[in-house]
Amino acid sequence: MSGGRRAQSAVASVTTADRRARFGAPSSSSSTGSTLDALDWFDRYSLVSKQLGADADNNPRHSLKVRSVQEEFYAKILEEEAKMGRTEKVVAAFRKLREGVTSSNIHDEFAIKVYEHSVDVCLDVDDSTGELIKSLAQLIGTIYPGAEAHIPETNPDKNHSLTRRSEMSKLYLLYVISTPPTQVPTEPRRPSTAPPSRPQSARDPQLPRRPLHGDINEIMKIYRALPTHIRETEDVQFAMDIFWVLRSDLDYVRFGMLWRKMGTREKTIMKIV
């Protein structure tokens, strides 16, 4: 063999070995059941929303509608997060897992754990607002109420599973509160008959003022749907304090006090809108 061919063969050998080490590809002597790298492993599963019903039914081992598959998938996410940190790949994997959990319509400790973890990851990964809000909305509107109704009172883990409900409710409320409606009222403000306390521009009386807060009907709908013991928590009351400050034409002093009390997560969710 010439020197050039030997060099090419050596490079090919190293490349193959590197790929096997990196992706877990089976060698010629290994069995077909060799472990795949997390990247390849995640790609084996498609979004439930894009999966044909017959295909999912005929291949239950590859369907995220199945709880055992969901648990295995979640374990792989934990491995990936431990190795690579919270990344866009982890966000995408959680999207697949959440769809599977939702499609199974089982609201229990596992479902809560998956959705809460998804929120945590999305808060730490840039440009994940869409997945963050979908996680929070499903968690607050469906997962928690379903779990509270179906987890037996005798289950010692019931209270533990719901310990973060007030925190997650606060985050969702803060997002909705700090997202002004895309449309403003069409009716112009009536010009005041009182003498102006400051110079007014020619457009002041004519333009409707855009609210500093979200849709009040949506905010109150979310708030009133919460159980009384959750509405009365410090977390939820804090979110509603923010709302009333914005509702009252922005009390800068009061808002500044509340802002200084916020943690990084609360500030993050208010600044992503």
Protein backbone atom coordinates (compact mmCIF):
# COMPACT_ATOMS: atom_id res chain seq x y z
CA MET A 1 0.00 0.00 0.00
CA SER A 2 1.38 3.41 -0.93
CA GLY A 3 2.11 6.08 1.68
CA GLY A 4 -0.87 8.18 0.52
CA ARG A 5 -3.33 5.28 0.79
CA ARG A 6 -1.97 4.29 4.22
CA ALA A 7 -2.50 7.88 5.42
CA GLN A 8 -6.08 7.92 4.07
CA SER A 9 -6.78 4.59 5.74
CA ALA A 10 -5.42 5.86 9.06
CA VAL A 11 -7.58 9.00 8.87
CA ALA A 12 -10.67 6.93 8.04
CA SER A 13 -9.90 4.62 10.96
CA VAL A 14 -9.55 7.53 13.39
CA THR A 15 -12.72 9.17 12.04
CA THR A 16 -14.70 5.96 12.45
CA ALA A 17 -13.34 5.40 15.96
CA ASP A 18 -14.14 8.98 16.86
CA ARG A 19 -17.70 8.67 15.59
CA ARG A 20 -18.16 5.44 17.50
CA ALA A 21 -16.87 7.03 20.68
CA ARG A 22 -18.99 10.12 20.18
CA PHE A 23 -22.24 8.64 18.91
CA GLY A 24 -22.11 5.16 20.38
CA ALA A 25 -22.28 3.54 16.95
CA PRO A 26 -21.88 -0.22 17.17
CA SER A 27 -18.64 -1.77 15.98
CA SER A 28 -18.67 -4.75 13.65
CA SER A 29 -18.45 -7.09 16.64
CA SER A 30 -21.03 -5.35 18.83
CA SER A 31 -24.70 -6.21 18.97
CA THR A 32 -27.41 -4.10 17.36
CA GLY A 33 -28.60 -3.11 20.82
CA SER A 34 -25.61 -0.87 21.50
CA THR A 35 -26.39 2.36 23.31
CA LEU A 36 -26.86 5.40 21.09
CA ASP A 37 -25.67 8.86 21.90
CA ALA A 38 -28.36 11.12 23.40
CA LEU A 39 -28.45 13.23 20.22
CA ASP A 40 -29.27 10.24 18.02
CA TRP A 41 -31.52 8.79 20.69
CA PHE A 42 -33.72 11.90 20.85
CA ASP A 43 -34.03 11.91 17.07
CA ARG A 44 -35.56 8.44 17.13
CA TYR A 45 -38.76 9.99 18.48
CA SER A 46 -40.93 12.46 16.62
CA LEU A 47 -43.35 15.01 18.02
CA VAL A 48 -46.64 13.33 18.90
CA SER A 49 -48.48 16.07 16.99
CA LYS A 50 -46.62 14.99 13.83
CA GLN A 51 -46.95 11.28 14.40
CA LEU A 52 -49.55 9.30 12.49
CA GLY A 53 -52.00 7.56 14.79
CA ALA A 54 -51.55 4.15 13.20
CA ASP A 55 -47.77 4.46 13.33
CA ALA A 56 -47.87 5.32 17.03
CA ASP A 57 -50.19 2.40 17.76
CA ASN A 58 -48.10 -0.08 15.77
CA ASN A 59 -44.81 1.04 17.31
CA PRO A 60 -45.57 1.63 21.00
CA ARG A 61 -41.89 1.26 21.92
CA HIS A 62 -41.16 4.36 19.83
CA SER A 63 -44.18 6.42 20.89
CA LEU A 64 -43.95 9.11 23.54
CA LYS A 65 -47.58 8.43 24.34
CA VAL A 66 -46.39 5.45 26.42
CA ARG A 67 -45.44 6.19 30.03
CA SER A 68 -42.48 3.80 30.14
CA VAL A 69 -41.06 5.48 27.02
CA GLN A 70 -41.67 8.91 28.58
CA GLU A 71 -39.73 7.91 31.69
CA GLU A 72 -36.83 6.60 29.62
CA PHE A 73 -36.86 9.76 27.49
CA TYR A 74 -36.81 11.94 30.62
CA ALA A 75 -33.85 9.99 32.00
CA LYS A 76 -31.97 10.69 28.75
CA ILE A 77 -32.77 14.40 29.07
CA LEU A 78 -31.29 14.39 32.56
CA GLU A 79 -28.15 12.75 31.23
CA GLU A 80 -27.84 15.28 28.41
CA GLU A 81 -28.39 18.20 30.79
CA ALA A 82 -25.79 16.85 33.21
CA LYS A 83 -23.20 16.55 30.41
CA MET A 84 -23.91 19.62 28.29
CA GLY A 85 -25.96 21.93 30.51
CA ARG A 86 -29.25 23.58 29.58
CA THR A 87 -29.22 24.03 25.83
CA GLU A 88 -31.61 24.45 22.90
CA LYS A 89 -31.38 20.70 22.35
CA VAL A 90 -32.71 20.09 25.85
CA VAL A 91 -35.53 22.59 25.22
CA ALA A 92 -36.46 20.74 22.01
CA ALA A 93 -36.37 17.38 23.81
CA PHE A 94 -38.70 18.70 26.51
CA ARG A 95 -41.13 19.85 23.84
CA LYS A 96 -41.37 16.27 22.56
CA LEU A 97 -41.75 14.89 26.06
CA ARG A 98 -44.42 17.42 27.05
CA GLU A 99 -46.48 16.54 23.99
CA GLY A 100 -46.26 12.89 24.92
CA VAL A 101 -47.29 13.56 28.52
CA THR A 102 -50.21 15.72 27.39
CA SER A 103 -51.40 13.11 24.90
CA SER A 104 -51.44 10.44 27.60
CA ASN A 105 -53.78 12.65 29.66
CA ILE A 106 -52.31 11.45 32.96
CA HIS A 107 -51.91 14.25 35.49
CA ASP A 108 -49.65 12.95 38.22
CA GLU A 109 -46.32 13.51 39.96
CA PHE A 110 -44.38 12.62 36.81
CA ALA A 111 -46.32 15.06 34.63
CA ILE A 112 -45.73 17.83 37.17
CA LYS A 113 -42.01 17.05 37.34
CA VAL A 114 -41.65 17.16 33.55
CA TYR A 115 -43.47 20.46 33.12
CA GLU A 116 -41.78 22.19 36.05
CA HIS A 117 -38.37 21.08 34.82
CA SER A 118 -39.26 22.35 31.34
CA VAL A 119 -40.04 25.77 32.80
CA ASP A 120 -36.72 25.84 34.64
CA VAL A 121 -34.79 24.98 31.49
CA CYS A 122 -36.62 27.47 29.27
CA LEU A 123 -35.93 30.28 31.73
CA ASP A 124 -32.20 29.59 31.39
CA VAL A 125 -32.06 29.26 27.58
CA ASP A 126 -32.31 32.29 25.33
CA ASP A 127 -35.10 32.50 22.73
CA SER A 128 -37.22 29.88 24.50
CA THR A 129 -40.15 32.15 25.33
CA GLY A 130 -42.66 30.16 23.28
CA GLU A 131 -41.85 26.86 24.96
CA LEU A 132 -41.73 28.56 28.36
CA ILE A 133 -45.23 30.00 28.04
CA LYS A 134 -46.66 26.74 26.66
CA SER A 135 -45.17 24.92 29.64
CA LEU A 136 -46.59 27.38 32.16
CA ALA A 137 -50.02 27.58 30.55
CA GLN A 138 -50.48 23.80 30.49
CA LEU A 139 -49.05 23.43 33.98
CA ILE A 140 -51.33 26.06 35.54
CA GLY A 141 -54.45 25.36 33.49
CA THR A 142 -54.42 21.57 33.27
CA ILE A 143 -51.65 19.64 35.02
CA TYR A 144 -51.97 21.07 38.54
CA PRO A 145 -55.80 20.97 38.66
CA GLY A 146 -55.83 17.43 37.29
CA ALA A 147 -53.16 16.25 39.70
CA GLU A 148 -54.89 17.81 42.67
CA ALA A 149 -58.08 15.99 41.74
CA HIS A 150 -56.54 12.61 40.96
CA ILE A 151 -53.59 12.14 43.32
CA PRO A 152 -55.09 10.35 46.35
CA GLU A 153 -55.08 12.28 49.62
CA THR A 154 -53.39 9.29 51.21
CA ASN A 155 -50.42 9.63 48.87
CA PRO A 156 -47.59 11.03 50.99
CA ASP A 157 -46.09 12.69 47.90
CA LYS A 158 -49.21 14.71 47.05
CA ASN A 159 -48.29 17.86 48.95
CA HIS A 160 -44.67 17.56 47.88
CA SER A 161 -45.72 17.33 44.22
CA LEU A 162 -47.69 20.55 44.47
CA THR A 163 -45.16 22.57 46.46
CA ARG A 164 -44.15 24.73 43.48
CA ARG A 165 -47.69 25.50 42.35
CA SER A 166 -47.75 29.00 43.83
CA GLU A 167 -44.32 29.79 42.36
CA MET A 168 -45.33 28.65 38.88
CA SER A 169 -48.66 30.49 39.17
CA LYS A 170 -46.75 33.67 40.01
CA LEU A 171 -44.49 33.30 36.98
CA TYR A 172 -47.41 32.74 34.62
CA LEU A 173 -49.36 35.65 36.05
CA LEU A 174 -46.31 37.94 35.77
CA TYR A 175 -45.95 37.03 32.10
CA VAL A 176 -49.61 37.73 31.32
CA ILE A 177 -49.60 40.88 33.46
CA SER A 178 -46.54 42.33 31.74
CA THR A 179 -47.73 41.56 28.19
CA PRO A 180 -49.78 44.54 26.97
CA PRO A 181 -52.55 43.79 24.48
CA THR A 182 -51.48 44.02 20.86
CA GLN A 183 -54.47 46.22 20.13
CA VAL A 184 -55.34 49.43 21.95
CA PRO A 185 -58.85 50.85 22.38
CA THR A 186 -60.12 52.47 19.21
CA GLU A 187 -61.98 55.21 21.06
CA PRO A 188 -59.77 58.27 21.59
CA ARG A 189 -59.36 59.70 25.05
CA ARG A 190 -61.54 62.67 25.84
CA PRO A 191 -59.57 65.87 26.15
CA SER A 192 -59.53 67.19 29.69
CA THR A 193 -61.29 70.48 30.41
CA ALA A 194 -58.91 71.21 33.29
CA PRO A 195 -55.87 73.42 32.66
CA PRO A 196 -52.91 71.28 31.64
CA SER A 197 -50.30 70.74 34.32
CA ARG A 198 -47.62 70.28 31.65
CA PRO A 199 -47.26 71.15 27.96
CA GLN A 200 -49.34 68.84 25.80
CA SER A 201 -48.49 67.74 22.29
CA ALA A 202 -51.10 68.11 19.59
CA ARG A 203 -51.59 64.34 19.50
CA ASP A 204 -52.15 63.83 23.24
CA PRO A 205 -55.97 64.22 23.25
CA GLN A 206 -56.38 62.18 20.11
CA LEU A 207 -54.43 59.01 20.76
CA PRO A 208 -55.69 56.23 23.02
CA ARG A 209 -53.18 55.24 25.64
CA ARG A 210 -51.76 51.73 25.45
CA PRO A 211 -52.18 49.86 28.74
CA LEU A 212 -49.06 49.10 30.74
CA HIS A 213 -50.44 45.70 31.67
CA GLY A 214 -52.00 42.68 30.02
CA ASP A 215 -55.63 41.94 29.30
CA ILE A 216 -57.43 42.45 32.60
CA ASN A 217 -60.05 39.84 31.73
CA GLU A 218 -57.42 37.20 31.06
CA ILE A 219 -55.47 38.10 34.20
CA MET A 220 -58.53 37.85 36.42
CA LYS A 221 -59.64 34.63 34.71
CA ILE A 222 -56.32 32.97 35.56
CA TYR A 223 -56.33 34.37 39.09
CA ARG A 224 -59.89 33.31 39.89
CA ALA A 225 -59.32 29.80 38.54
CA LEU A 226 -56.64 29.22 41.17
CA PRO A 227 -57.70 27.49 44.40
CA THR A 228 -58.22 29.86 47.31
CA HIS A 229 -55.18 28.56 49.20
CA ILE A 230 -53.00 29.30 46.15
CA ARG A 231 -54.50 32.78 45.58
CA GLU A 232 -53.67 33.65 49.17
CA THR A 233 -50.00 32.69 48.92
CA GLU A 234 -47.28 35.34 49.02
CA ASP A 235 -46.20 34.38 45.50
CA VAL A 236 -49.56 35.03 43.87
CA GLN A 237 -50.26 38.13 45.95
CA PHE A 238 -46.92 39.54 44.82
CA ALA A 239 -47.89 39.08 41.17
CA MET A 240 -51.23 40.78 41.75
CA ASP A 241 -49.49 43.68 43.54
CA ILE A 242 -47.49 44.20 40.34
CA PHE A 243 -50.72 44.19 38.37
CA TRP A 244 -52.43 46.80 40.53
CA VAL A 245 -49.37 49.05 40.40
CA LEU A 246 -49.40 48.92 36.60
CA ARG A 247 -53.17 49.29 36.59
CA SER A 248 -52.93 52.57 38.52
CA ASP A 249 -50.96 54.38 35.78
CA LEU A 250 -47.68 53.02 37.15
CA ASP A 251 -46.81 54.09 40.65
CA TYR A 252 -43.05 54.37 40.09
CA VAL A 253 -42.17 54.37 43.79
CA ARG A 254 -44.25 51.31 44.58
CA PHE A 255 -43.11 49.53 41.41
CA GLY A 256 -39.46 50.21 42.28
CA MET A 257 -39.97 48.66 45.70
CA LEU A 258 -41.55 45.55 44.20
CA TRP A 259 -38.88 45.30 41.50
CA ARG A 260 -36.13 45.24 44.12
CA LYS A 261 -37.89 42.34 45.84
CA MET A 262 -37.94 40.27 42.65
CA GLY A 263 -35.57 37.41 42.02
CA THR A 264 -33.80 36.77 38.74
CA ARG A 265 -36.54 34.46 37.45
CA GLU A 266 -39.29 37.03 37.98
CA LYS A 267 -37.28 39.79 36.33
CA THR A 268 -36.42 37.49 33.45
CA ILE A 269 -40.02 36.62 32.71
CA MET A 270 -41.10 40.26 32.82
CA LYS A 271 -38.30 41.37 30.50
CA ILE A 272 -38.87 38.72 27.84
CA VAL A 273 -42.11 40.34 26.68
